[in-house]
Amino acid sequence: TYSRMSDLTTVDQQLIRKSGFVIQHGAFHRELKYHSKLCDFETTWRSSLLNHHESVHVGRRFKCEECLNQFVSKSGLTAHQKSIHMCQIYQCQQCDYQATKKGNLTRH
């Protein structure tokens, strides 16, 4: 493992910087916070603040075309569609356990 950016090659440093990892990881350690101007919500991720604002204060929802359920994130809608309407099942290879979400199978 590398303890400092200077231990990495120039190419590796550029790839890490382009991915945003340094900025995001640095924000975590510096406790850089983004604050909502409308409530007490705060986060180290700018994207989380934007999602919070759109879903809580603007009321943006992602609607399922099949059952009209609503979700605050597109990923929530996608997970719902896969598990409910596409009947996507993840089967444990060691027992009879089944899950509709891959993360639940991984935790199992």
PDB file of N, CA and C in Angstrom:
ATOM      1  N   THR A   1       0.835  -1.193   0.000  1.00  0.00           N
ATOM      2  CA  THR A   1       0.000   0.000   0.000  1.00  0.00           C
ATOM      3  C   THR A   1       0.867   1.239   0.000  1.00  0.00           C
ATOM      4  N   TYR A   2       0.287   2.338  -0.412  1.00  0.00           N
ATOM      5  CA  TYR A   2       0.997   3.603  -0.486  1.00  0.00           C
ATOM      6  C   TYR A   2       0.527   4.496   0.649  1.00  0.00           C
ATOM      7  N   SER A   3       1.491   5.186   1.277  1.00  0.00           N
ATOM      8  CA  SER A   3       1.119   6.056   2.385  1.00  0.00           C
ATOM      9  C   SER A   3       0.922   7.500   1.940  1.00  0.00           C
ATOM     10  N   ARG A   4       1.502   7.878   0.783  1.00  0.00           N
ATOM     11  CA  ARG A   4       1.377   9.249   0.301  1.00  0.00           C
ATOM     12  C   ARG A   4       1.166   9.229  -1.207  1.00  0.00           C
ATOM     13  N   MET A   5       0.520  10.274  -1.711  1.00  0.00           N
ATOM     14  CA  MET A   5       0.350  10.396  -3.157  1.00  0.00           C
ATOM     15  C   MET A   5       1.705  10.423  -3.856  1.00  0.00           C
ATOM     16  N   SER A   6       2.704  10.999  -3.204  1.00  0.00           N
ATOM     17  CA  SER A   6       4.021  11.114  -3.838  1.00  0.00           C
ATOM     18  C   SER A   6       4.671   9.748  -4.058  1.00  0.00           C
ATOM     19  N   ASP A   7       4.180   8.701  -3.380  1.00  0.00           N
ATOM     20  CA  ASP A   7       4.710   7.357  -3.572  1.00  0.00           C
ATOM     21  C   ASP A   7       4.196   6.720  -4.863  1.00  0.00           C
ATOM     22  N   LEU A   8       3.179   7.309  -5.476  1.00  0.00           N
ATOM     23  CA  LEU A   8       2.572   6.761  -6.680  1.00  0.00           C
ATOM     24  C   LEU A   8       3.239   7.319  -7.926  1.00  0.00           C
ATOM     25  N   THR A   9       3.119   6.603  -9.033  1.00  0.00           N
ATOM     26  CA  THR A   9       3.617   7.123 -10.305  1.00  0.00           C
ATOM     27  C   THR A   9       2.752   8.302 -10.725  1.00  0.00           C
ATOM     28  N   THR A  10       3.264   9.106 -11.628  1.00  0.00           N
ATOM     29  CA  THR A  10       2.515  10.263 -12.131  1.00  0.00           C
ATOM     30  C   THR A  10       1.213   9.830 -12.774  1.00  0.00           C
ATOM     31  N   VAL A  11       1.244   8.746 -13.548  1.00  0.00           N
ATOM     32  CA  VAL A  11       0.036   8.241 -14.207  1.00  0.00           C
ATOM     33  C   VAL A  11      -1.005   7.823 -13.168  1.00  0.00           C
ATOM     34  N   ASP A  12      -0.567   7.095 -12.136  1.00  0.00           N
ATOM     35  CA  ASP A  12      -1.493   6.677 -11.080  1.00  0.00           C
ATOM     36  C   ASP A  12      -2.089   7.881 -10.371  1.00  0.00           C
ATOM     37  N   GLN A  13      -1.282   8.895 -10.101  1.00  0.00           N
ATOM     38  CA  GLN A  13      -1.783  10.097  -9.443  1.00  0.00           C
ATOM     39  C   GLN A  13      -2.854  10.773 -10.291  1.00  0.00           C
ATOM     40  N   GLN A  14      -2.618  10.850 -11.595  1.00  0.00           N
ATOM     41  CA  GLN A  14      -3.593  11.481 -12.484  1.00  0.00           C
ATOM     42  C   GLN A  14      -4.893  10.687 -12.511  1.00  0.00           C
ATOM     43  N   LEU A  15      -4.807   9.366 -12.552  1.00  0.00           N
ATOM     44  CA  LEU A  15      -6.014   8.544 -12.564  1.00  0.00           C
ATOM     45  C   LEU A  15      -6.820   8.723 -11.285  1.00  0.00           C
ATOM     46  N   ILE A  16      -6.138   8.754 -10.160  1.00  0.00           N
ATOM     47  CA  ILE A  16      -6.824   8.928  -8.874  1.00  0.00           C
ATOM     48  C   ILE A  16      -7.469  10.303  -8.808  1.00  0.00           C
ATOM     49  N   ARG A  17      -6.778  11.333  -9.230  1.00  0.00           N
ATOM     50  CA  ARG A  17      -7.339  12.686  -9.208  1.00  0.00           C
ATOM     51  C   ARG A  17      -8.548  12.787 -10.131  1.00  0.00           C
ATOM     52  N   LYS A  18      -8.462  12.193 -11.320  1.00  0.00           N
ATOM     53  CA  LYS A  18      -9.579  12.243 -12.263  1.00  0.00           C
ATOM     54  C   LYS A  18     -10.801  11.518 -11.718  1.00  0.00           C
ATOM     55  N   SER A  19     -10.589  10.476 -10.960  1.00  0.00           N
ATOM     56  CA  SER A  19     -11.723   9.718 -10.431  1.00  0.00           C
ATOM     57  C   SER A  19     -12.426  10.473  -9.315  1.00  0.00           C
ATOM     58  N   GLY A  20     -11.803  11.517  -8.806  1.00  0.00           N
ATOM     59  CA  GLY A  20     -12.403  12.276  -7.715  1.00  0.00           C
ATOM     60  C   GLY A  20     -12.125  11.664  -6.350  1.00  0.00           C
ATOM     61  N   PHE A  21     -11.403  10.560  -6.315  1.00  0.00           N
ATOM     62  CA  PHE A  21     -11.157   9.874  -5.054  1.00  0.00           C
ATOM     63  C   PHE A  21     -10.432  10.763  -4.057  1.00  0.00           C
ATOM     64  N   VAL A  22      -9.401  11.472  -4.502  1.00  0.00           N
ATOM     65  CA  VAL A  22      -8.617  12.303  -3.589  1.00  0.00           C
ATOM     66  C   VAL A  22      -9.497  13.374  -2.971  1.00  0.00           C
ATOM     67  N   ILE A  23     -10.315  14.022  -3.794  1.00  0.00           N
ATOM     68  CA  ILE A  23     -11.191  15.074  -3.292  1.00  0.00           C
ATOM     69  C   ILE A  23     -12.190  14.505  -2.289  1.00  0.00           C
ATOM     70  N   GLN A  24     -12.826  13.397  -2.648  1.00  0.00           N
ATOM     71  CA  GLN A  24     -13.836  12.807  -1.780  1.00  0.00           C
ATOM     72  C   GLN A  24     -13.212  12.271  -0.487  1.00  0.00           C
ATOM     73  N   HIS A  25     -12.095  11.561  -0.624  1.00  0.00           N
ATOM     74  CA  HIS A  25     -11.453  10.991   0.549  1.00  0.00           C
ATOM     75  C   HIS A  25     -10.908  12.100   1.456  1.00  0.00           C
ATOM     76  N   GLY A  26     -10.341  13.144   0.839  1.00  0.00           N
ATOM     77  CA  GLY A  26      -9.839  14.280   1.611  1.00  0.00           C
ATOM     78  C   GLY A  26     -10.958  14.980   2.357  1.00  0.00           C
ATOM     79  N   ALA A  27     -12.108  15.093   1.730  1.00  0.00           N
ATOM     80  CA  ALA A  27     -13.256  15.724   2.376  1.00  0.00           C
ATOM     81  C   ALA A  27     -13.651  14.946   3.617  1.00  0.00           C
ATOM     82  N   PHE A  28     -13.577  13.642   3.542  1.00  0.00           N
ATOM     83  CA  PHE A  28     -13.920  12.805   4.689  1.00  0.00           C
ATOM     84  C   PHE A  28     -12.997  13.089   5.869  1.00  0.00           C
ATOM     85  N   HIS A  29     -11.708  13.166   5.617  1.00  0.00           N
ATOM     86  CA  HIS A  29     -10.758  13.377   6.714  1.00  0.00           C
ATOM     87  C   HIS A  29     -10.754  14.810   7.234  1.00  0.00           C
ATOM     88  N   ARG A  30     -11.028  15.773   6.378  1.00  0.00           N
ATOM     89  CA  ARG A  30     -11.062  17.163   6.826  1.00  0.00           C
ATOM     90  C   ARG A  30     -12.411  17.522   7.419  1.00  0.00           C
ATOM     91  N   GLU A  31     -13.329  16.585   7.340  1.00  0.00           N
ATOM     92  CA  GLU A  31     -14.684  16.815   7.827  1.00  0.00           C
ATOM     93  C   GLU A  31     -15.323  18.008   7.134  1.00  0.00           C
ATOM     94  N   LEU A  32     -14.995  18.170   5.858  1.00  0.00           N
ATOM     95  CA  LEU A  32     -15.627  19.202   5.055  1.00  0.00           C
ATOM     96  C   LEU A  32     -17.107  18.873   4.953  1.00  0.00           C
ATOM     97  N   LYS A  33     -17.933  19.813   5.293  1.00  0.00           N
ATOM     98  CA  LYS A  33     -19.371  19.560   5.310  1.00  0.00           C
ATOM     99  C   LYS A  33     -20.087  20.479   4.329  1.00  0.00           C
ATOM    100  N   TYR A  34     -21.059  19.912   3.677  1.00  0.00           N
ATOM    101  CA  TYR A  34     -21.992  20.691   2.872  1.00  0.00           C
ATOM    102  C   TYR A  34     -23.268  20.789   3.689  1.00  0.00           C
ATOM    103  N   HIS A  35     -23.782  21.984   3.855  1.00  0.00           N
ATOM    104  CA  HIS A  35     -24.952  22.229   4.693  1.00  0.00           C
ATOM    105  C   HIS A  35     -26.137  22.665   3.840  1.00  0.00           C
ATOM    106  N   SER A  36     -27.304  22.147   4.176  1.00  0.00           N
ATOM    107  CA  SER A  36     -28.528  22.615   3.530  1.00  0.00           C
ATOM    108  C   SER A  36     -28.855  24.000   4.073  1.00  0.00           C
ATOM    109  N   LYS A  37     -29.292  24.876   3.197  1.00  0.00           N
ATOM    110  CA  LYS A  37     -29.712  26.210   3.626  1.00  0.00           C
ATOM    111  C   LYS A  37     -31.153  26.199   4.131  1.00  0.00           C
ATOM    112  N   LEU A  38     -31.832  25.060   3.961  1.00  0.00           N
ATOM    113  CA  LEU A  38     -33.251  24.992   4.309  1.00  0.00           C
ATOM    114  C   LEU A  38     -33.553  24.130   5.534  1.00  0.00           C
ATOM    115  N   CYS A  39     -32.571  23.355   5.982  1.00  0.00           N
ATOM    116  CA  CYS A  39     -32.793  22.493   7.156  1.00  0.00           C
ATOM    117  C   CYS A  39     -31.446  22.164   7.795  1.00  0.00           C
ATOM    118  N   ASP A  40     -31.418  21.230   8.733  1.00  0.00           N
ATOM    119  CA  ASP A  40     -30.197  20.892   9.461  1.00  0.00           C
ATOM    120  C   ASP A  40     -29.343  19.830   8.766  1.00  0.00           C
ATOM    121  N   PHE A  41     -29.728  19.383   7.578  1.00  0.00           N
ATOM    122  CA  PHE A  41     -28.993  18.322   6.883  1.00  0.00           C
ATOM    123  C   PHE A  41     -27.580  18.780   6.544  1.00  0.00           C
ATOM    124  N   GLU A  42     -26.593  17.886   6.785  1.00  0.00           N
ATOM    125  CA  GLU A  42     -25.215  18.158   6.387  1.00  0.00           C
ATOM    126  C   GLU A  42     -24.569  16.852   5.955  1.00  0.00           C
ATOM    127  N   THR A  43     -23.603  16.963   5.057  1.00  0.00           N
ATOM    128  CA  THR A  43     -22.937  15.788   4.513  1.00  0.00           C
ATOM    129  C   THR A  43     -21.553  16.167   4.017  1.00  0.00           C
ATOM    130  N   THR A  44     -20.693  15.183   3.842  1.00  0.00           N
ATOM    131  CA  THR A  44     -19.374  15.429   3.264  1.00  0.00           C
ATOM    132  C   THR A  44     -19.418  15.302   1.746  1.00  0.00           C
ATOM    133  N   TRP A  45     -20.542  14.922   1.182  1.00  0.00           N
ATOM    134  CA  TRP A  45     -20.676  14.697  -0.249  1.00  0.00           C
ATOM    135  C   TRP A  45     -21.605  15.738  -0.861  1.00  0.00           C
ATOM    136  N   ARG A  46     -21.111  16.472  -1.832  1.00  0.00           N
ATOM    137  CA  ARG A  46     -21.924  17.470  -2.529  1.00  0.00           C
ATOM    138  C   ARG A  46     -23.114  16.809  -3.220  1.00  0.00           C
ATOM    139  N   SER A  47     -22.887  15.648  -3.828  1.00  0.00           N
ATOM    140  CA  SER A  47     -23.965  14.950  -4.524  1.00  0.00           C
ATOM    141  C   SER A  47     -25.077  14.549  -3.554  1.00  0.00           C
ATOM    142  N   SER A  48     -24.732  14.202  -2.337  1.00  0.00           N
ATOM    143  CA  SER A  48     -25.751  13.854  -1.337  1.00  0.00           C
ATOM    144  C   SER A  48     -26.596  15.068  -0.975  1.00  0.00           C
ATOM    145  N   LEU A  49     -25.947  16.228  -0.876  1.00  0.00           N
ATOM    146  CA  LEU A  49     -26.693  17.447  -0.582  1.00  0.00           C
ATOM    147  C   LEU A  49     -27.663  17.766  -1.721  1.00  0.00           C
ATOM    148  N   LEU A  50     -27.198  17.639  -2.957  1.00  0.00           N
ATOM    149  CA  LEU A  50     -28.067  17.898  -4.103  1.00  0.00           C
ATOM    150  C   LEU A  50     -29.244  16.921  -4.131  1.00  0.00           C
ATOM    151  N   ASN A  51     -28.983  15.640  -3.897  1.00  0.00           N
ATOM    152  CA  ASN A  51     -30.058  14.644  -3.864  1.00  0.00           C
ATOM    153  C   ASN A  51     -31.042  14.931  -2.735  1.00  0.00           C
ATOM    154  N   HIS A  52     -30.516  15.304  -1.571  1.00  0.00           N
ATOM    155  CA  HIS A  52     -31.369  15.645  -0.432  1.00  0.00           C
ATOM    156  C   HIS A  52     -32.283  16.809  -0.794  1.00  0.00           C
ATOM    157  N   HIS A  53     -31.707  17.861  -1.343  1.00  0.00           N
ATOM    158  CA  HIS A  53     -32.485  19.051  -1.691  1.00  0.00           C
ATOM    159  C   HIS A  53     -33.591  18.707  -2.692  1.00  0.00           C
ATOM    160  N   GLU A  54     -33.237  17.962  -3.742  1.00  0.00           N
ATOM    161  CA  GLU A  54     -34.219  17.613  -4.772  1.00  0.00           C
ATOM    162  C   GLU A  54     -35.334  16.724  -4.221  1.00  0.00           C
ATOM    163  N   SER A  55     -34.998  15.763  -3.379  1.00  0.00           N
ATOM    164  CA  SER A  55     -36.019  14.835  -2.896  1.00  0.00           C
ATOM    165  C   SER A  55     -36.838  15.392  -1.737  1.00  0.00           C
ATOM    166  N   VAL A  56     -36.211  16.129  -0.823  1.00  0.00           N
ATOM    167  CA  VAL A  56     -36.909  16.605   0.374  1.00  0.00           C
ATOM    168  C   VAL A  56     -37.567  17.968   0.158  1.00  0.00           C
ATOM    169  N   HIS A  57     -36.836  18.902  -0.416  1.00  0.00           N
ATOM    170  CA  HIS A  57     -37.345  20.274  -0.495  1.00  0.00           C
ATOM    171  C   HIS A  57     -38.060  20.585  -1.813  1.00  0.00           C
ATOM    172  N   VAL A  58     -37.675  19.901  -2.878  1.00  0.00           N
ATOM    173  CA  VAL A  58     -38.330  20.122  -4.168  1.00  0.00           C
ATOM    174  C   VAL A  58     -39.430  19.084  -4.387  1.00  0.00           C
ATOM    175  N   GLY A  59     -39.261  17.928  -3.772  1.00  0.00           N
ATOM    176  CA  GLY A  59     -40.273  16.877  -3.896  1.00  0.00           C
ATOM    177  C   GLY A  59     -40.105  15.969  -5.096  1.00  0.00           C
ATOM    178  N   ARG A  60     -38.897  15.897  -5.647  1.00  0.00           N
ATOM    179  CA  ARG A  60     -38.653  15.031  -6.797  1.00  0.00           C
ATOM    180  C   ARG A  60     -38.827  13.569  -6.399  1.00  0.00           C
ATOM    181  N   ARG A  61     -39.529  12.831  -7.219  1.00  0.00           N
ATOM    182  CA  ARG A  61     -39.734  11.402  -7.002  1.00  0.00           C
ATOM    183  C   ARG A  61     -39.548  10.669  -8.328  1.00  0.00           C
ATOM    184  N   PHE A  62     -39.068   9.451  -8.229  1.00  0.00           N
ATOM    185  CA  PHE A  62     -38.957   8.579  -9.388  1.00  0.00           C
ATOM    186  C   PHE A  62     -40.099   7.585  -9.284  1.00  0.00           C
ATOM    187  N   LYS A  63     -40.980   7.600 -10.287  1.00  0.00           N
ATOM    188  CA  LYS A  63     -42.204   6.808 -10.228  1.00  0.00           C
ATOM    189  C   LYS A  63     -42.078   5.535 -11.043  1.00  0.00           C
ATOM    190  N   CYS A  64     -42.553   4.440 -10.461  1.00  0.00           N
ATOM    191  CA  CYS A  64     -42.606   3.166 -11.163  1.00  0.00           C
ATOM    192  C   CYS A  64     -43.800   3.208 -12.113  1.00  0.00           C
ATOM    193  N   GLU A  65     -43.552   2.905 -13.366  1.00  0.00           N
ATOM    194  CA  GLU A  65     -44.606   2.943 -14.378  1.00  0.00           C
ATOM    195  C   GLU A  65     -45.590   1.778 -14.219  1.00  0.00           C
ATOM    196  N   GLU A  66     -45.175   0.717 -13.532  1.00  0.00           N
ATOM    197  CA  GLU A  66     -46.017  -0.473 -13.429  1.00  0.00           C
ATOM    198  C   GLU A  66     -46.953  -0.462 -12.227  1.00  0.00           C
ATOM    199  N   CYS A  67     -46.476   0.061 -11.095  1.00  0.00           N
ATOM    200  CA  CYS A  67     -47.321   0.002  -9.889  1.00  0.00           C
ATOM    201  C   CYS A  67     -47.506   1.366  -9.229  1.00  0.00           C
ATOM    202  N   LEU A  68     -46.869   2.402  -9.773  1.00  0.00           N
ATOM    203  CA  LEU A  68     -46.991   3.778  -9.293  1.00  0.00           C
ATOM    204  C   LEU A  68     -46.348   4.035  -7.930  1.00  0.00           C
ATOM    205  N   ASN A  69     -45.534   3.101  -7.426  1.00  0.00           N
ATOM    206  CA  ASN A  69     -44.736   3.395  -6.234  1.00  0.00           C
ATOM    207  C   ASN A  69     -43.766   4.515  -6.576  1.00  0.00           C
ATOM    208  N   GLN A  70     -43.365   5.282  -5.564  1.00  0.00           N
ATOM    209  CA  GLN A  70     -42.457   6.395  -5.778  1.00  0.00           C
ATOM    210  C   GLN A  70     -41.200   6.224  -4.930  1.00  0.00           C
ATOM    211  N   PHE A  71     -40.078   6.698  -5.461  1.00  0.00           N
ATOM    212  CA  PHE A  71     -38.785   6.551  -4.794  1.00  0.00           C
ATOM    213  C   PHE A  71     -38.032   7.870  -4.863  1.00  0.00           C
ATOM    214  N   VAL A  72     -37.204   8.132  -3.865  1.00  0.00           N
ATOM    215  CA  VAL A  72     -36.457   9.393  -3.827  1.00  0.00           C
ATOM    216  C   VAL A  72     -35.185   9.323  -4.661  1.00  0.00           C
ATOM    217  N   SER A  73     -34.783   8.118  -5.097  1.00  0.00           N
ATOM    218  CA  SER A  73     -33.579   7.990  -5.924  1.00  0.00           C
ATOM    219  C   SER A  73     -33.854   7.067  -7.103  1.00  0.00           C
ATOM    220  N   LYS A  74     -33.116   7.298  -8.167  1.00  0.00           N
ATOM    221  CA  LYS A  74     -33.245   6.449  -9.338  1.00  0.00           C
ATOM    222  C   LYS A  74     -32.772   5.031  -9.024  1.00  0.00           C
ATOM    223  N   SER A  75     -31.751   4.916  -8.177  1.00  0.00           N
ATOM    224  CA  SER A  75     -31.257   3.588  -7.813  1.00  0.00           C
ATOM    225  C   SER A  75     -32.305   2.820  -7.003  1.00  0.00           C
ATOM    226  N   GLY A  76     -33.079   3.529  -6.191  1.00  0.00           N
ATOM    227  CA  GLY A  76     -34.169   2.882  -5.458  1.00  0.00           C
ATOM    228  C   GLY A  76     -35.237   2.353  -6.395  1.00  0.00           C
ATOM    229  N   LEU A  77     -35.568   3.134  -7.410  1.00  0.00           N
ATOM    230  CA  LEU A  77     -36.541   2.697  -8.417  1.00  0.00           C
ATOM    231  C   LEU A  77     -36.015   1.488  -9.175  1.00  0.00           C
ATOM    232  N   THR A  78     -34.760   1.531  -9.583  1.00  0.00           N
ATOM    233  CA  THR A  78     -34.169   0.418 -10.327  1.00  0.00           C
ATOM    234  C   THR A  78     -34.162  -0.861  -9.501  1.00  0.00           C
ATOM    235  N   ALA A  79     -33.786  -0.764  -8.231  1.00  0.00           N
ATOM    236  CA  ALA A  79     -33.781  -1.937  -7.353  1.00  0.00           C
ATOM    237  C   ALA A  79     -35.196  -2.494  -7.216  1.00  0.00           C
ATOM    238  N   HIS A  80     -36.182  -1.621  -7.068  1.00  0.00           N
ATOM    239  CA  HIS A  80     -37.579  -2.033  -6.964  1.00  0.00           C
ATOM    240  C   HIS A  80     -38.011  -2.770  -8.236  1.00  0.00           C
ATOM    241  N   GLN A  81     -37.705  -2.198  -9.385  1.00  0.00           N
ATOM    242  CA  GLN A  81     -38.106  -2.811 -10.645  1.00  0.00           C
ATOM    243  C   GLN A  81     -37.483  -4.188 -10.826  1.00  0.00           C
ATOM    244  N   LYS A  82     -36.207  -4.317 -10.480  1.00  0.00           N
ATOM    245  CA  LYS A  82     -35.532  -5.614 -10.622  1.00  0.00           C
ATOM    246  C   LYS A  82     -36.121  -6.659  -9.684  1.00  0.00           C
ATOM    247  N   SER A  83     -36.357  -6.270  -8.436  1.00  0.00           N
ATOM    248  CA  SER A  83     -36.800  -7.265  -7.450  1.00  0.00           C
ATOM    249  C   SER A  83     -38.292  -7.563  -7.522  1.00  0.00           C
ATOM    250  N   ILE A  84     -39.109  -6.595  -7.883  1.00  0.00           N
ATOM    251  CA  ILE A  84     -40.558  -6.790  -7.886  1.00  0.00           C
ATOM    252  C   ILE A  84     -41.098  -7.143  -9.272  1.00  0.00           C
ATOM    253  N   HIS A  85     -40.745  -6.378 -10.270  1.00  0.00           N
ATOM    254  CA  HIS A  85     -41.356  -6.554 -11.578  1.00  0.00           C
ATOM    255  C   HIS A  85     -40.569  -7.474 -12.509  1.00  0.00           C
ATOM    256  N   MET A  86     -39.276  -7.586 -12.292  1.00  0.00           N
ATOM    257  CA  MET A  86     -38.474  -8.483 -13.128  1.00  0.00           C
ATOM    258  C   MET A  86     -38.232  -9.812 -12.426  1.00  0.00           C
ATOM    259  N   CYS A  87     -38.675  -9.896 -11.182  1.00  0.00           N
ATOM    260  CA  CYS A  87     -38.528 -11.120 -10.372  1.00  0.00           C
ATOM    261  C   CYS A  87     -37.092 -11.636 -10.377  1.00  0.00           C
ATOM    262  N   GLN A  88     -36.144 -10.726 -10.249  1.00  0.00           N
ATOM    263  CA  GLN A  88     -34.746 -11.116 -10.216  1.00  0.00           C
ATOM    264  C   GLN A  88     -34.449 -11.716  -8.846  1.00  0.00           C
ATOM    265  N   ILE A  89     -34.000 -12.960  -8.841  1.00  0.00           N
ATOM    266  CA  ILE A  89     -33.725 -13.690  -7.607  1.00  0.00           C
ATOM    267  C   ILE A  89     -32.242 -14.040  -7.556  1.00  0.00           C
ATOM    268  N   TYR A  90     -31.637 -13.775  -6.408  1.00  0.00           N
ATOM    269  CA  TYR A  90     -30.252 -14.158  -6.165  1.00  0.00           C
ATOM    270  C   TYR A  90     -30.261 -15.362  -5.242  1.00  0.00           C
ATOM    271  N   GLN A  91     -29.683 -16.455  -5.696  1.00  0.00           N
ATOM    272  CA  GLN A  91     -29.705 -17.732  -4.970  1.00  0.00           C
ATOM    273  C   GLN A  91     -28.361 -17.985  -4.307  1.00  0.00           C
ATOM    274  N   CYS A  92     -28.390 -18.335  -3.020  1.00  0.00           N
ATOM    275  CA  CYS A  92     -27.169 -18.726  -2.307  1.00  0.00           C
ATOM    276  C   CYS A  92     -26.683 -20.061  -2.883  1.00  0.00           C
ATOM    277  N   GLN A  93     -25.404 -20.169  -3.133  1.00  0.00           N
ATOM    278  CA  GLN A  93     -24.826 -21.391  -3.696  1.00  0.00           C
ATOM    279  C   GLN A  93     -24.578 -22.468  -2.642  1.00  0.00           C
ATOM    280  N   GLN A  94     -24.779 -22.115  -1.349  1.00  0.00           N
ATOM    281  CA  GLN A  94     -24.485 -23.062  -0.283  1.00  0.00           C
ATOM    282  C   GLN A  94     -25.720 -23.538   0.469  1.00  0.00           C
ATOM    283  N   CYS A  95     -26.872 -22.888   0.246  1.00  0.00           N
ATOM    284  CA  CYS A  95     -28.098 -23.294   0.930  1.00  0.00           C
ATOM    285  C   CYS A  95     -29.309 -22.865   0.106  1.00  0.00           C
ATOM    286  N   ASP A  96     -30.494 -22.951   0.670  1.00  0.00           N
ATOM    287  CA  ASP A  96     -31.723 -22.626  -0.043  1.00  0.00           C
ATOM    288  C   ASP A  96     -32.098 -21.141   0.017  1.00  0.00           C
ATOM    289  N   TYR A  97     -31.273 -20.328   0.672  1.00  0.00           N
ATOM    290  CA  TYR A  97     -31.599 -18.912   0.824  1.00  0.00           C
ATOM    291  C   TYR A  97     -31.698 -18.219  -0.526  1.00  0.00           C
ATOM    292  N   GLN A  98     -32.717 -17.369  -0.682  1.00  0.00           N
ATOM    293  CA  GLN A  98     -32.891 -16.554  -1.875  1.00  0.00           C
ATOM    294  C   GLN A  98     -33.134 -15.109  -1.448  1.00  0.00           C
ATOM    295  N   ALA A  99     -32.703 -14.184  -2.289  1.00  0.00           N
ATOM    296  CA  ALA A  99     -32.905 -12.769  -2.007  1.00  0.00           C
ATOM    297  C   ALA A  99     -33.276 -12.053  -3.297  1.00  0.00           C
ATOM    298  N   THR A 100     -34.006 -10.964  -3.154  1.00  0.00           N
ATOM    299  CA  THR A 100     -34.344 -10.163  -4.322  1.00  0.00           C
ATOM    300  C   THR A 100     -33.327  -9.045  -4.535  1.00  0.00           C
ATOM    301  N   LYS A 101     -32.419  -8.860  -3.585  1.00  0.00           N
ATOM    302  CA  LYS A 101     -31.355  -7.855  -3.718  1.00  0.00           C
ATOM    303  C   LYS A 101     -30.008  -8.531  -3.519  1.00  0.00           C
ATOM    304  N   LYS A 102     -29.065  -8.225  -4.402  1.00  0.00           N
ATOM    305  CA  LYS A 102     -27.753  -8.833  -4.338  1.00  0.00           C
ATOM    306  C   LYS A 102     -27.050  -8.546  -3.007  1.00  0.00           C
ATOM    307  N   GLY A 103     -27.233  -7.329  -2.496  1.00  0.00           N
ATOM    308  CA  GLY A 103     -26.615  -6.956  -1.219  1.00  0.00           C
ATOM    309  C   GLY A 103     -27.096  -7.810  -0.061  1.00  0.00           C
ATOM    310  N   ASN A 104     -28.375  -8.182  -0.084  1.00  0.00           N
ATOM    311  CA  ASN A 104     -28.904  -9.056   0.977  1.00  0.00           C
ATOM    312  C   ASN A 104     -28.279 -10.437   0.904  1.00  0.00           C
ATOM    313  N   LEU A 105     -28.071 -10.937  -0.318  1.00  0.00           N
ATOM    314  CA  LEU A 105     -27.398 -12.242  -0.476  1.00  0.00           C
ATOM    315  C   LEU A 105     -25.953 -12.145   0.005  1.00  0.00           C
ATOM    316  N   THR A 106     -25.283 -11.075  -0.310  1.00  0.00           N
ATOM    317  CA  THR A 106     -23.892 -10.888   0.125  1.00  0.00           C
ATOM    318  C   THR A 106     -23.792 -10.871   1.649  1.00  0.00           C
ATOM    319  N   ARG A 107     -24.710 -10.147   2.304  1.00  0.00           N
ATOM    320  CA  ARG A 107     -24.709 -10.120   3.784  1.00  0.00           C
ATOM    321  C   ARG A 107     -25.030 -11.489   4.374  1.00  0.00           C
ATOM    322  N   HIS A 108     -25.876 -12.260   3.702  1.00  0.00           N
ATOM    323  CA  HIS A 108     -26.241 -13.606   4.161  1.00  0.00           C
ATOM    324  C   HIS A 108     -24.985 -14.460   4.234  1.00  0.00           C
TER     325      HIS A 108
END
